[in-house]
């Protein structure tokens, strides 16, 4: 029993009202809703929000189960994890069924491709793990080009090993989590609410598909990519 869940707060600060703002011809949240539907791998597409307009827009985009998120789960300091649990519990109570796997889709990641969703799920099922997260190859490496300030004000390579790597290609691959897609085992999440478990795997996405809208510049970049497609 697999569902998608999209959690979208109304109180965005960096880009006000971004979840319902038009980007490349449709509201931002509609991109994630439609990608979930187009993937054809979900029984339902849940949208959880504290904002009636977001829920209305998501419903018109095709979301199949709308959840009014309690205010205490929608503050600037609130983690998304309780909102996820609340949304899943509301669905399970209404449907009288138990979710086995859920996929959290970040509404601010419109440049992901549908096959990224399918690919992340396939990795999750093949690996038999607690979760799969998505990310892109990091531009900077903690072994070479990421510097960490020391107590005395000096800087040093963030991750030091002995002996040090002399070639970048010899160092372990490093990724930037993009927050776009999280595939999570429902039973594991019920007892331990997090996205990273000891056996978590990463599904690699392209840099173009990994844009996360947090600023106006991000918004412009995402719109350029979507229109170019």
N, C-alpha and C. Protein backbone atom coordinates (compact mmCIF):
# COMPACT_ATOMS: atom_id res chain seq x y z
N UNK A 1 0.86 -1.18 0.00
CA UNK A 1 0.00 0.00 0.00
C UNK A 1 0.90 1.23 0.00
N UNK A 2 1.07 1.84 -1.14
CA UNK A 2 2.01 2.95 -1.29
C UNK A 2 1.26 4.25 -1.59
N UNK A 3 1.60 5.31 -0.84
CA UNK A 3 0.99 6.61 -1.08
C UNK A 3 2.08 7.67 -1.21
N UNK A 4 1.74 8.75 -1.88
CA UNK A 4 2.61 9.93 -1.91
C UNK A 4 2.03 10.93 -0.92
N UNK A 5 2.91 11.67 -0.26
CA UNK A 5 2.44 12.73 0.63
C UNK A 5 3.26 13.99 0.36
N UNK A 6 2.55 15.10 0.24
CA UNK A 6 3.16 16.40 -0.02
C UNK A 6 2.75 17.32 1.12
N UNK A 7 3.71 17.84 1.84
CA UNK A 7 3.44 18.74 2.97
C UNK A 7 3.83 20.16 2.59
N UNK A 8 2.85 21.07 2.62
CA UNK A 8 3.10 22.44 2.15
C UNK A 8 2.52 23.45 3.14
N UNK A 9 3.39 24.20 3.77
CA UNK A 9 2.93 25.23 4.70
C UNK A 9 2.54 26.50 3.94
N UNK A 10 1.68 27.28 4.55
CA UNK A 10 1.30 28.55 3.93
C UNK A 10 2.22 29.69 4.28
N UNK A 11 3.02 29.54 5.34
CA UNK A 11 3.81 30.66 5.85
C UNK A 11 5.22 30.75 5.34
N UNK A 12 5.43 30.64 4.04
CA UNK A 12 6.78 30.74 3.48
C UNK A 12 7.34 32.14 3.67
N UNK A 13 8.60 32.22 4.08
CA UNK A 13 9.24 33.51 4.32
C UNK A 13 10.13 33.95 3.16
N UNK A 14 11.00 33.04 2.67
CA UNK A 14 11.94 33.40 1.61
C UNK A 14 11.27 33.83 0.33
N UNK A 15 10.26 33.06 -0.08
CA UNK A 15 9.47 33.38 -1.27
C UNK A 15 8.01 33.31 -0.84
N UNK A 16 7.42 34.43 -0.45
CA UNK A 16 6.05 34.44 0.08
C UNK A 16 5.04 33.78 -0.88
N UNK A 17 4.18 32.94 -0.30
CA UNK A 17 3.11 32.26 -1.04
C UNK A 17 3.62 31.41 -2.20
N UNK A 18 4.84 30.91 -2.05
CA UNK A 18 5.47 30.22 -3.18
C UNK A 18 4.71 28.96 -3.62
N UNK A 19 4.08 28.26 -2.69
CA UNK A 19 3.44 27.00 -3.06
C UNK A 19 2.26 27.17 -4.01
N UNK A 20 1.66 28.36 -4.01
CA UNK A 20 0.55 28.61 -4.94
C UNK A 20 0.93 29.61 -6.03
N UNK A 21 2.16 30.04 -6.03
CA UNK A 21 2.61 31.01 -7.04
C UNK A 21 2.82 30.32 -8.39
N UNK A 22 2.45 31.01 -9.44
CA UNK A 22 2.58 30.44 -10.79
C UNK A 22 4.05 30.32 -11.18
N UNK A 23 4.40 29.15 -11.70
CA UNK A 23 5.74 28.93 -12.23
C UNK A 23 5.60 28.11 -13.50
N UNK A 24 6.04 28.67 -14.59
CA UNK A 24 5.97 28.01 -15.90
C UNK A 24 4.55 27.54 -16.22
N UNK A 25 3.56 28.36 -15.84
CA UNK A 25 2.20 28.10 -16.29
C UNK A 25 1.28 27.40 -15.32
N UNK A 26 1.77 27.05 -14.14
CA UNK A 26 0.89 26.40 -13.15
C UNK A 26 1.40 26.68 -11.75
N UNK A 27 0.54 26.55 -10.74
CA UNK A 27 1.00 26.77 -9.36
C UNK A 27 2.12 25.79 -9.00
N UNK A 28 3.05 26.26 -8.19
CA UNK A 28 4.21 25.45 -7.84
C UNK A 28 3.82 24.07 -7.33
N UNK A 29 2.87 23.99 -6.40
CA UNK A 29 2.53 22.69 -5.83
C UNK A 29 1.92 21.75 -6.86
N UNK A 30 1.33 22.30 -7.90
CA UNK A 30 0.71 21.46 -8.92
C UNK A 30 1.73 20.59 -9.64
N UNK A 31 2.97 21.07 -9.76
CA UNK A 31 4.00 20.27 -10.42
C UNK A 31 4.22 18.95 -9.67
N UNK A 32 4.33 19.00 -8.35
CA UNK A 32 4.57 17.79 -7.57
C UNK A 32 3.36 16.87 -7.58
N UNK A 33 2.17 17.45 -7.49
CA UNK A 33 0.95 16.64 -7.53
C UNK A 33 0.87 15.90 -8.86
N UNK A 34 1.08 16.59 -9.95
CA UNK A 34 0.97 15.98 -11.27
C UNK A 34 2.07 14.94 -11.51
N UNK A 35 3.29 15.20 -10.99
CA UNK A 35 4.36 14.21 -11.13
C UNK A 35 4.00 12.93 -10.39
N UNK A 36 3.42 13.06 -9.20
CA UNK A 36 3.01 11.89 -8.44
C UNK A 36 1.94 11.10 -9.20
N UNK A 37 0.96 11.80 -9.75
CA UNK A 37 -0.09 11.14 -10.51
C UNK A 37 0.45 10.49 -11.78
N UNK A 38 1.32 11.20 -12.47
CA UNK A 38 1.88 10.68 -13.73
C UNK A 38 2.74 9.45 -13.52
N UNK A 39 3.33 9.31 -12.33
CA UNK A 39 4.19 8.15 -12.07
C UNK A 39 3.39 6.85 -12.09
N UNK A 40 2.11 6.93 -11.74
CA UNK A 40 1.24 5.76 -11.77
C UNK A 40 1.56 4.71 -10.73
N UNK A 41 2.25 5.09 -9.64
CA UNK A 41 2.69 4.09 -8.66
C UNK A 41 2.06 4.29 -7.28
N UNK A 42 1.10 5.22 -7.17
CA UNK A 42 0.50 5.53 -5.87
C UNK A 42 -0.99 5.24 -5.84
N UNK A 43 -1.44 4.73 -4.70
CA UNK A 43 -2.88 4.54 -4.52
C UNK A 43 -3.57 5.88 -4.33
N UNK A 44 -2.89 6.78 -3.60
CA UNK A 44 -3.44 8.12 -3.38
C UNK A 44 -2.30 9.12 -3.30
N UNK A 45 -2.65 10.38 -3.59
CA UNK A 45 -1.71 11.49 -3.44
C UNK A 45 -2.27 12.39 -2.35
N UNK A 46 -1.61 12.36 -1.20
CA UNK A 46 -2.04 13.13 -0.03
C UNK A 46 -1.36 14.49 -0.04
N UNK A 47 -2.12 15.53 0.23
CA UNK A 47 -1.53 16.86 0.44
C UNK A 47 -1.97 17.34 1.81
N UNK A 48 -1.00 17.72 2.62
CA UNK A 48 -1.25 18.23 3.97
C UNK A 48 -0.83 19.69 4.02
N UNK A 49 -1.75 20.54 4.49
CA UNK A 49 -1.43 21.96 4.61
C UNK A 49 -2.30 22.63 5.65
N UNK A 50 -1.75 23.70 6.22
CA UNK A 50 -2.51 24.54 7.15
C UNK A 50 -3.25 25.64 6.42
N UNK A 51 -3.05 25.72 5.09
CA UNK A 51 -3.55 26.83 4.28
C UNK A 51 -4.67 26.37 3.35
N UNK A 52 -5.89 26.90 3.51
CA UNK A 52 -7.01 26.47 2.65
C UNK A 52 -6.76 26.70 1.16
N UNK A 53 -6.08 27.77 0.81
CA UNK A 53 -5.82 28.02 -0.62
C UNK A 53 -4.91 26.95 -1.20
N UNK A 54 -3.89 26.54 -0.45
CA UNK A 54 -2.99 25.49 -0.93
C UNK A 54 -3.77 24.20 -1.15
N UNK A 55 -4.63 23.85 -0.21
CA UNK A 55 -5.42 22.63 -0.35
C UNK A 55 -6.36 22.72 -1.55
N UNK A 56 -6.93 23.90 -1.77
CA UNK A 56 -7.82 24.09 -2.91
C UNK A 56 -7.07 23.93 -4.23
N UNK A 57 -5.90 24.55 -4.32
CA UNK A 57 -5.09 24.46 -5.54
C UNK A 57 -4.63 23.03 -5.76
N UNK A 58 -4.21 22.35 -4.68
CA UNK A 58 -3.75 20.97 -4.80
C UNK A 58 -4.89 20.06 -5.26
N UNK A 59 -6.08 20.28 -4.74
CA UNK A 59 -7.23 19.48 -5.14
C UNK A 59 -7.55 19.67 -6.62
N UNK A 60 -7.48 20.91 -7.08
CA UNK A 60 -7.74 21.17 -8.49
C UNK A 60 -6.66 20.57 -9.39
N UNK A 61 -5.46 20.40 -8.85
CA UNK A 61 -4.36 19.79 -9.63
C UNK A 61 -4.48 18.27 -9.68
N UNK A 62 -5.36 17.70 -8.83
CA UNK A 62 -5.59 16.26 -8.87
C UNK A 62 -5.27 15.51 -7.60
N UNK A 63 -4.82 16.20 -6.55
CA UNK A 63 -4.55 15.51 -5.29
C UNK A 63 -5.81 14.78 -4.83
N UNK A 64 -5.65 13.56 -4.36
CA UNK A 64 -6.82 12.70 -4.10
C UNK A 64 -7.22 12.64 -2.63
N UNK A 65 -6.38 13.16 -1.73
CA UNK A 65 -6.72 13.15 -0.31
C UNK A 65 -6.11 14.38 0.35
N UNK A 66 -6.97 15.29 0.82
CA UNK A 66 -6.51 16.55 1.39
C UNK A 66 -6.62 16.51 2.90
N UNK A 67 -5.58 16.99 3.57
CA UNK A 67 -5.53 16.96 5.04
C UNK A 67 -5.29 18.37 5.57
N UNK A 68 -6.15 18.81 6.46
CA UNK A 68 -5.94 20.09 7.14
C UNK A 68 -4.95 19.88 8.27
N UNK A 69 -3.80 20.51 8.13
CA UNK A 69 -2.74 20.32 9.11
C UNK A 69 -2.98 21.20 10.33
N UNK A 70 -2.87 20.65 11.53
CA UNK A 70 -3.02 21.46 12.75
C UNK A 70 -1.97 22.56 12.81
N UNK A 71 -2.34 23.69 13.39
CA UNK A 71 -1.46 24.86 13.43
C UNK A 71 -0.13 24.55 14.11
N UNK A 72 -0.14 23.68 15.13
CA UNK A 72 1.11 23.40 15.85
C UNK A 72 2.11 22.63 15.00
N UNK A 73 1.67 22.05 13.90
CA UNK A 73 2.57 21.35 12.99
C UNK A 73 2.99 22.23 11.81
N UNK A 74 2.63 23.51 11.85
CA UNK A 74 2.90 24.38 10.70
C UNK A 74 3.64 25.66 11.08
N UNK A 75 4.29 25.69 12.24
CA UNK A 75 5.05 26.87 12.64
C UNK A 75 6.41 26.87 11.94
N UNK A 76 7.09 28.01 12.00
CA UNK A 76 8.41 28.13 11.38
C UNK A 76 9.42 27.15 11.98
N UNK A 77 9.23 26.82 13.25
CA UNK A 77 10.18 25.96 13.94
C UNK A 77 9.78 24.48 13.94
N UNK A 78 8.59 24.19 13.45
CA UNK A 78 8.10 22.81 13.50
C UNK A 78 8.79 21.93 12.46
N UNK A 79 9.14 20.72 12.87
CA UNK A 79 9.66 19.73 11.94
C UNK A 79 8.53 19.22 11.06
N UNK A 80 8.88 18.75 9.87
CA UNK A 80 7.85 18.21 8.98
C UNK A 80 7.42 16.81 9.42
N UNK A 81 8.20 16.16 10.27
CA UNK A 81 7.92 14.77 10.62
C UNK A 81 6.56 14.56 11.29
N UNK A 82 6.18 15.38 12.28
CA UNK A 82 4.84 15.20 12.86
C UNK A 82 3.72 15.44 11.85
N UNK A 83 3.94 16.36 10.91
CA UNK A 83 2.94 16.61 9.87
C UNK A 83 2.78 15.39 8.97
N UNK A 84 3.87 14.72 8.68
CA UNK A 84 3.80 13.49 7.89
C UNK A 84 2.99 12.43 8.62
N UNK A 85 3.34 12.22 9.89
CA UNK A 85 2.63 11.21 10.68
C UNK A 85 1.15 11.53 10.77
N UNK A 86 0.83 12.80 10.97
CA UNK A 86 -0.57 13.21 11.05
C UNK A 86 -1.29 12.94 9.73
N UNK A 87 -0.67 13.29 8.62
CA UNK A 87 -1.30 13.07 7.31
C UNK A 87 -1.52 11.60 7.01
N UNK A 88 -0.51 10.77 7.31
CA UNK A 88 -0.65 9.34 7.07
C UNK A 88 -1.73 8.73 7.97
N UNK A 89 -1.75 9.15 9.23
CA UNK A 89 -2.75 8.63 10.16
C UNK A 89 -4.17 9.01 9.73
N UNK A 90 -4.33 10.23 9.21
CA UNK A 90 -5.64 10.65 8.73
C UNK A 90 -6.09 9.79 7.56
N UNK A 91 -5.17 9.49 6.66
CA UNK A 91 -5.50 8.65 5.50
C UNK A 91 -5.86 7.24 5.95
N UNK A 92 -5.05 6.68 6.85
CA UNK A 92 -5.28 5.31 7.30
C UNK A 92 -6.61 5.18 8.03
N UNK A 93 -6.95 6.19 8.81
CA UNK A 93 -8.23 6.16 9.53
C UNK A 93 -9.41 6.24 8.57
N UNK A 94 -9.28 7.12 7.56
CA UNK A 94 -10.37 7.30 6.61
C UNK A 94 -10.53 6.09 5.69
N UNK A 95 -9.40 5.50 5.28
CA UNK A 95 -9.45 4.40 4.32
C UNK A 95 -9.53 3.02 4.96
N UNK A 96 -9.31 2.96 6.27
CA UNK A 96 -9.30 1.68 6.98
C UNK A 96 -8.27 0.73 6.39
N UNK A 97 -7.15 1.29 6.01
CA UNK A 97 -6.05 0.52 5.45
C UNK A 97 -4.74 1.00 6.08
N UNK A 98 -3.71 0.17 5.98
CA UNK A 98 -2.41 0.51 6.54
C UNK A 98 -1.42 0.80 5.42
N UNK A 99 -0.81 1.96 5.46
CA UNK A 99 0.25 2.29 4.50
C UNK A 99 1.45 1.40 4.77
N UNK A 100 2.07 0.87 3.73
CA UNK A 100 3.30 0.09 3.89
C UNK A 100 4.52 0.92 3.51
N UNK A 101 4.39 1.73 2.45
CA UNK A 101 5.48 2.60 2.01
C UNK A 101 4.89 3.95 1.66
N UNK A 102 5.57 5.01 2.06
CA UNK A 102 5.13 6.33 1.61
C UNK A 102 6.29 7.07 0.99
N UNK A 103 5.96 7.98 0.09
CA UNK A 103 6.96 8.79 -0.61
C UNK A 103 6.65 10.25 -0.34
N UNK A 104 7.55 10.91 0.35
CA UNK A 104 7.41 12.33 0.61
C UNK A 104 7.98 13.10 -0.57
N UNK A 105 7.15 13.93 -1.18
CA UNK A 105 7.59 14.77 -2.29
C UNK A 105 7.61 16.22 -1.82
N UNK A 106 8.75 16.85 -1.90
CA UNK A 106 8.86 18.24 -1.49
C UNK A 106 8.22 19.13 -2.55
N UNK A 107 7.28 19.98 -2.16
CA UNK A 107 6.57 20.79 -3.15
C UNK A 107 7.44 21.85 -3.82
N UNK A 108 8.59 22.13 -3.20
CA UNK A 108 9.48 23.16 -3.76
C UNK A 108 10.54 22.57 -4.69
N UNK A 109 10.31 21.36 -5.18
CA UNK A 109 11.25 20.69 -6.08
C UNK A 109 10.57 20.35 -7.40
N UNK A 110 10.16 21.36 -8.18
CA UNK A 110 9.36 21.08 -9.38
C UNK A 110 10.15 20.54 -10.56
N UNK A 111 11.49 20.59 -10.51
CA UNK A 111 12.26 20.16 -11.68
C UNK A 111 12.60 18.68 -11.66
N UNK A 112 12.15 17.96 -10.63
CA UNK A 112 12.36 16.50 -10.65
C UNK A 112 11.60 15.90 -11.82
N UNK A 113 12.02 14.77 -12.27
CA UNK A 113 11.32 14.06 -13.35
C UNK A 113 10.52 12.92 -12.74
N UNK A 114 9.47 12.52 -13.43
CA UNK A 114 8.65 11.41 -12.96
C UNK A 114 9.48 10.15 -12.79
N UNK A 115 10.44 9.95 -13.68
CA UNK A 115 11.24 8.72 -13.57
C UNK A 115 12.18 8.77 -12.36
N UNK A 116 12.42 9.96 -11.79
CA UNK A 116 13.17 10.03 -10.54
C UNK A 116 12.37 9.39 -9.40
N UNK A 117 11.07 9.66 -9.40
CA UNK A 117 10.20 9.07 -8.37
C UNK A 117 10.19 7.55 -8.51
N UNK A 118 10.00 7.07 -9.72
CA UNK A 118 9.95 5.63 -9.97
C UNK A 118 11.30 4.99 -9.64
N UNK A 119 12.39 5.65 -10.03
CA UNK A 119 13.72 5.10 -9.78
C UNK A 119 14.05 5.00 -8.30
N UNK A 120 13.65 6.00 -7.54
CA UNK A 120 13.91 5.97 -6.10
C UNK A 120 13.13 4.84 -5.43
N UNK A 121 11.90 4.63 -5.88
CA UNK A 121 11.09 3.53 -5.34
C UNK A 121 11.70 2.17 -5.70
N UNK A 122 12.17 2.04 -6.93
CA UNK A 122 12.79 0.78 -7.36
C UNK A 122 14.03 0.47 -6.52
N UNK A 123 14.84 1.49 -6.23
CA UNK A 123 16.03 1.30 -5.39
C UNK A 123 15.62 0.86 -3.99
N UNK A 124 14.61 1.50 -3.45
CA UNK A 124 14.09 1.16 -2.11
C UNK A 124 13.66 -0.30 -2.05
N UNK A 125 12.92 -0.73 -3.05
CA UNK A 125 12.40 -2.10 -3.04
C UNK A 125 13.49 -3.13 -3.29
N UNK A 126 14.43 -2.79 -4.14
CA UNK A 126 15.54 -3.72 -4.44
C UNK A 126 16.47 -3.87 -3.25
N UNK A 127 16.77 -2.74 -2.59
CA UNK A 127 17.72 -2.77 -1.48
C UNK A 127 17.10 -3.29 -0.19
N UNK A 128 15.77 -3.20 -0.06
CA UNK A 128 15.10 -3.66 1.15
C UNK A 128 15.53 -2.89 2.38
N UNK A 129 15.54 -1.55 2.28
CA UNK A 129 16.06 -0.70 3.35
C UNK A 129 14.93 0.09 4.01
N UNK A 130 15.31 0.86 5.06
CA UNK A 130 14.33 1.68 5.75
C UNK A 130 13.92 2.90 4.97
N UNK A 131 14.86 3.44 4.18
CA UNK A 131 14.52 4.63 3.40
C UNK A 131 15.51 4.82 2.26
N UNK A 132 15.05 5.57 1.27
CA UNK A 132 15.89 6.07 0.18
C UNK A 132 15.68 7.57 0.12
N UNK A 133 16.77 8.33 0.07
CA UNK A 133 16.71 9.77 -0.10
C UNK A 133 17.35 10.13 -1.42
N UNK A 134 17.10 11.33 -1.89
CA UNK A 134 17.66 11.75 -3.17
C UNK A 134 18.67 12.88 -3.00
N UNK A 135 19.59 12.96 -3.96
CA UNK A 135 20.59 14.02 -3.92
C UNK A 135 21.37 14.04 -5.23
N UNK A 136 22.20 15.04 -5.37
CA UNK A 136 23.06 15.16 -6.54
C UNK A 136 24.51 15.17 -6.08
N UNK A 137 25.40 14.83 -6.98
CA UNK A 137 26.83 14.84 -6.64
C UNK A 137 27.23 16.23 -6.15
N UNK A 138 27.93 16.28 -5.03
CA UNK A 138 28.34 17.55 -4.45
C UNK A 138 29.41 18.23 -5.30
N UNK A 139 29.27 19.53 -5.46
CA UNK A 139 30.29 20.29 -6.20
C UNK A 139 31.57 20.39 -5.40
N UNK A 140 31.43 20.51 -4.08
CA UNK A 140 32.60 20.62 -3.21
C UNK A 140 32.77 19.31 -2.44
N UNK A 141 34.02 18.93 -2.19
CA UNK A 141 34.30 17.71 -1.45
C UNK A 141 34.87 18.06 -0.08
N UNK A 142 34.37 17.41 0.98
CA UNK A 142 34.93 17.66 2.31
C UNK A 142 36.37 17.17 2.43
N UNK A 143 36.81 16.35 1.47
CA UNK A 143 38.18 15.85 1.49
C UNK A 143 39.15 16.79 0.79
N UNK A 144 38.61 17.75 -0.03
CA UNK A 144 39.50 18.59 -0.82
C UNK A 144 39.18 20.08 -0.73
N UNK A 145 37.91 20.44 -0.96
CA UNK A 145 37.60 21.87 -1.15
C UNK A 145 36.62 22.45 -0.15
N UNK A 146 36.19 21.69 0.85
CA UNK A 146 35.36 22.24 1.91
C UNK A 146 36.24 22.49 3.13
N UNK A 147 36.29 23.74 3.56
CA UNK A 147 37.16 24.13 4.67
C UNK A 147 36.34 24.36 5.93
N UNK A 148 36.90 23.95 7.06
CA UNK A 148 36.24 24.08 8.35
C UNK A 148 37.07 24.97 9.26
N UNK A 149 36.40 25.97 9.84
CA UNK A 149 37.13 26.88 10.72
C UNK A 149 37.49 26.19 12.03
N UNK A 150 38.74 26.38 12.46
CA UNK A 150 39.23 25.79 13.70
C UNK A 150 39.07 26.77 14.86
N UNK A 151 39.20 26.31 16.10
CA UNK A 151 39.03 27.19 17.26
C UNK A 151 39.95 28.41 17.25
N UNK A 152 41.12 28.28 16.64
CA UNK A 152 42.06 29.41 16.62
C UNK A 152 41.85 30.35 15.44
N UNK A 153 40.82 30.09 14.63
CA UNK A 153 40.53 30.94 13.49
C UNK A 153 41.12 30.45 12.18
N UNK A 154 42.00 29.49 12.24
CA UNK A 154 42.57 28.94 11.01
C UNK A 154 41.55 28.03 10.35
N UNK A 155 41.83 27.62 9.12
CA UNK A 155 40.93 26.72 8.41
C UNK A 155 41.68 25.47 7.98
N UNK A 156 40.95 24.38 7.89
CA UNK A 156 41.52 23.11 7.44
C UNK A 156 40.47 22.36 6.65
N UNK A 157 40.91 21.42 5.84
CA UNK A 157 39.98 20.59 5.09
C UNK A 157 39.02 19.95 6.07
N UNK A 158 37.73 19.98 5.73
CA UNK A 158 36.69 19.56 6.67
C UNK A 158 36.83 18.10 7.11
N UNK A 159 37.14 17.21 6.19
CA UNK A 159 37.24 15.80 6.53
C UNK A 159 38.66 15.32 6.22
N UNK A 160 39.42 15.09 7.28
CA UNK A 160 40.82 14.70 7.11
C UNK A 160 40.99 13.21 7.38
N UNK A 161 41.75 12.57 6.52
CA UNK A 161 42.08 11.16 6.69
C UNK A 161 43.58 11.00 6.62
N UNK A 162 44.07 9.91 7.18
CA UNK A 162 45.50 9.65 7.19
C UNK A 162 45.76 8.25 6.63
N UNK A 163 46.42 8.16 5.49
CA UNK A 163 46.99 9.27 4.71
C UNK A 163 45.90 10.00 3.92
N UNK A 164 46.13 11.25 3.55
CA UNK A 164 45.13 12.00 2.79
C UNK A 164 44.99 11.49 1.36
N UNK A 165 43.81 11.70 0.80
CA UNK A 165 43.63 11.38 -0.61
C UNK A 165 44.41 12.40 -1.44
N UNK A 166 45.15 11.90 -2.42
CA UNK A 166 45.92 12.82 -3.28
C UNK A 166 45.21 13.08 -4.60
N UNK A 167 44.23 12.24 -4.93
CA UNK A 167 43.44 12.45 -6.14
C UNK A 167 41.97 12.49 -5.76
N UNK A 168 41.27 13.49 -6.30
CA UNK A 168 39.86 13.64 -5.98
C UNK A 168 39.06 12.40 -6.33
N UNK A 169 39.40 11.76 -7.44
CA UNK A 169 38.63 10.60 -7.88
C UNK A 169 38.81 9.39 -6.97
N UNK A 170 39.81 9.41 -6.09
CA UNK A 170 40.01 8.31 -5.15
C UNK A 170 39.15 8.45 -3.90
N UNK A 171 38.68 9.66 -3.63
CA UNK A 171 37.87 9.91 -2.42
C UNK A 171 36.46 9.35 -2.61
N UNK A 172 35.79 9.03 -1.51
CA UNK A 172 34.40 8.55 -1.61
C UNK A 172 33.52 9.60 -2.28
N UNK A 173 32.50 9.13 -2.99
CA UNK A 173 31.54 10.05 -3.57
C UNK A 173 30.81 10.79 -2.46
N UNK A 174 30.58 12.08 -2.66
CA UNK A 174 29.83 12.88 -1.70
C UNK A 174 28.63 13.49 -2.41
N UNK A 175 27.52 13.54 -1.71
CA UNK A 175 26.27 14.03 -2.30
C UNK A 175 25.70 15.18 -1.48
N UNK A 176 24.97 16.03 -2.16
CA UNK A 176 24.14 17.03 -1.50
C UNK A 176 22.71 16.52 -1.52
N UNK A 177 22.12 16.34 -0.35
CA UNK A 177 20.71 15.97 -0.31
C UNK A 177 19.90 17.11 -0.91
N UNK A 178 18.99 16.78 -1.80
CA UNK A 178 18.19 17.84 -2.42
C UNK A 178 16.78 17.94 -1.83
N UNK A 179 16.42 17.01 -0.96
CA UNK A 179 15.11 17.07 -0.31
C UNK A 179 13.94 16.77 -1.22
N UNK A 180 14.20 16.37 -2.44
CA UNK A 180 13.14 16.22 -3.43
C UNK A 180 12.23 15.03 -3.17
N UNK A 181 12.83 13.87 -2.89
CA UNK A 181 12.07 12.62 -2.77
C UNK A 181 12.61 11.82 -1.58
N UNK A 182 11.70 11.35 -0.74
CA UNK A 182 12.05 10.44 0.35
C UNK A 182 11.13 9.24 0.26
N UNK A 183 11.68 8.06 0.11
CA UNK A 183 10.89 6.83 0.12
C UNK A 183 11.14 6.16 1.47
N UNK A 184 10.08 5.95 2.25
CA UNK A 184 10.27 5.51 3.63
C UNK A 184 9.32 4.37 3.98
N UNK A 185 9.86 3.40 4.71
CA UNK A 185 9.07 2.28 5.21
C UNK A 185 8.16 2.78 6.33
N UNK A 186 6.87 2.52 6.19
CA UNK A 186 5.90 3.05 7.15
C UNK A 186 6.09 2.48 8.56
N UNK A 187 6.39 1.19 8.66
CA UNK A 187 6.55 0.57 9.97
C UNK A 187 7.76 1.17 10.69
N UNK A 188 8.86 1.33 9.96
CA UNK A 188 10.06 1.94 10.58
C UNK A 188 9.75 3.36 11.05
N UNK A 189 9.03 4.10 10.22
CA UNK A 189 8.73 5.49 10.54
C UNK A 189 7.80 5.59 11.75
N UNK A 190 6.89 4.66 11.85
CA UNK A 190 5.93 4.68 12.97
C UNK A 190 6.63 4.60 14.32
N UNK A 191 7.71 3.83 14.36
CA UNK A 191 8.42 3.65 15.63
C UNK A 191 9.63 4.57 15.77
N UNK A 192 10.07 5.16 14.67
CA UNK A 192 11.28 5.99 14.70
C UNK A 192 11.15 7.05 13.60
N UNK A 193 10.58 8.19 13.97
CA UNK A 193 10.25 9.21 12.98
C UNK A 193 11.49 9.97 12.51
N UNK A 194 12.04 9.53 11.40
CA UNK A 194 13.15 10.22 10.74
C UNK A 194 13.23 9.75 9.30
N UNK A 195 14.13 10.38 8.55
CA UNK A 195 14.27 9.99 7.15
C UNK A 195 15.57 9.23 6.89
N UNK A 196 16.55 9.39 7.75
CA UNK A 196 17.83 8.70 7.58
C UNK A 196 17.97 7.61 8.63
N UNK A 197 18.10 6.37 8.16
CA UNK A 197 18.31 5.23 9.03
C UNK A 197 19.71 4.66 8.77
N UNK A 198 20.19 3.75 9.59
CA UNK A 198 21.53 3.21 9.36
C UNK A 198 21.71 2.56 7.99
N UNK A 199 20.61 2.06 7.39
CA UNK A 199 20.73 1.39 6.10
C UNK A 199 20.24 2.24 4.92
N UNK A 200 20.03 3.52 5.13
CA UNK A 200 19.50 4.39 4.07
C UNK A 200 20.41 4.40 2.84
N UNK A 201 19.79 4.42 1.67
CA UNK A 201 20.51 4.54 0.39
C UNK A 201 20.16 5.88 -0.25
N UNK A 202 21.02 6.30 -1.20
CA UNK A 202 20.76 7.55 -1.91
C UNK A 202 20.53 7.25 -3.38
N UNK A 203 19.52 7.91 -3.91
CA UNK A 203 19.23 7.84 -5.35
C UNK A 203 19.75 9.13 -5.97
N UNK A 204 20.65 8.98 -6.93
CA UNK A 204 21.30 10.15 -7.52
C UNK A 204 20.41 10.80 -8.59
N UNK A 205 20.24 12.11 -8.46
CA UNK A 205 19.52 12.90 -9.45
C UNK A 205 20.47 13.90 -10.07
N UNK A 206 20.11 14.39 -11.24
CA UNK A 206 20.95 15.39 -11.90
C UNK A 206 20.87 16.72 -11.17
N UNK A 207 21.84 17.56 -11.41
CA UNK A 207 21.83 18.90 -10.80
C UNK A 207 20.61 19.68 -11.27
N UNK A 208 20.24 19.53 -12.53
CA UNK A 208 19.09 20.24 -13.09
C UNK A 208 17.79 19.82 -12.41
N UNK A 209 17.69 18.54 -12.07
CA UNK A 209 16.48 18.02 -11.46
C UNK A 209 16.42 18.28 -9.95
N UNK A 210 17.49 18.84 -9.40
CA UNK A 210 17.62 18.95 -7.95
C UNK A 210 17.37 20.36 -7.40
N UNK A 211 16.85 21.25 -8.21
CA UNK A 211 16.62 22.62 -7.74
C UNK A 211 15.56 22.63 -6.64
N UNK A 212 15.91 23.25 -5.52
CA UNK A 212 14.99 23.41 -4.39
C UNK A 212 14.72 24.90 -4.21
N UNK A 213 13.48 25.30 -4.34
CA UNK A 213 13.14 26.72 -4.32
C UNK A 213 13.07 27.24 -2.89
N UNK A 214 14.06 28.05 -2.53
CA UNK A 214 14.10 28.67 -1.21
C UNK A 214 14.26 30.19 -1.32
N UNK A 215 14.69 30.65 -2.50
CA UNK A 215 14.91 32.09 -2.74
C UNK A 215 14.31 32.47 -4.09
N UNK A 216 14.25 33.77 -4.35
CA UNK A 216 13.77 34.24 -5.65
C UNK A 216 14.69 33.76 -6.77
N UNK A 217 15.98 33.69 -6.51
CA UNK A 217 16.91 33.20 -7.52
C UNK A 217 16.63 31.75 -7.86
N UNK A 218 16.35 30.93 -6.84
CA UNK A 218 15.98 29.54 -7.08
C UNK A 218 14.72 29.46 -7.93
N UNK A 219 13.76 30.34 -7.64
CA UNK A 219 12.50 30.35 -8.37
C UNK A 219 12.74 30.64 -9.85
N UNK A 220 13.59 31.63 -10.12
CA UNK A 220 13.88 31.99 -11.51
C UNK A 220 14.60 30.86 -12.23
N UNK A 221 15.53 30.20 -11.53
CA UNK A 221 16.27 29.09 -12.14
C UNK A 221 15.33 27.93 -12.46
N UNK A 222 14.47 27.57 -11.50
CA UNK A 222 13.53 26.48 -11.73
C UNK A 222 12.59 26.79 -12.89
N UNK A 223 12.12 28.02 -12.96
CA UNK A 223 11.22 28.39 -14.04
C UNK A 223 11.92 28.30 -15.39
N UNK A 224 13.18 28.72 -15.44
CA UNK A 224 13.94 28.63 -16.68
C UNK A 224 14.07 27.18 -17.13
N UNK A 225 14.36 26.29 -16.19
CA UNK A 225 14.51 24.86 -16.52
C UNK A 225 13.18 24.28 -17.00
N UNK A 226 12.10 24.59 -16.30
CA UNK A 226 10.79 24.05 -16.67
C UNK A 226 10.34 24.56 -18.03
N UNK A 227 10.55 25.82 -18.30
CA UNK A 227 10.15 26.37 -19.61
C UNK A 227 11.02 25.81 -20.73
N UNK A 228 12.29 25.58 -20.43
CA UNK A 228 13.20 25.04 -21.44
C UNK A 228 12.81 23.62 -21.82
N UNK A 229 12.25 22.87 -20.86
CA UNK A 229 11.80 21.50 -21.16
C UNK A 229 10.64 21.50 -22.12
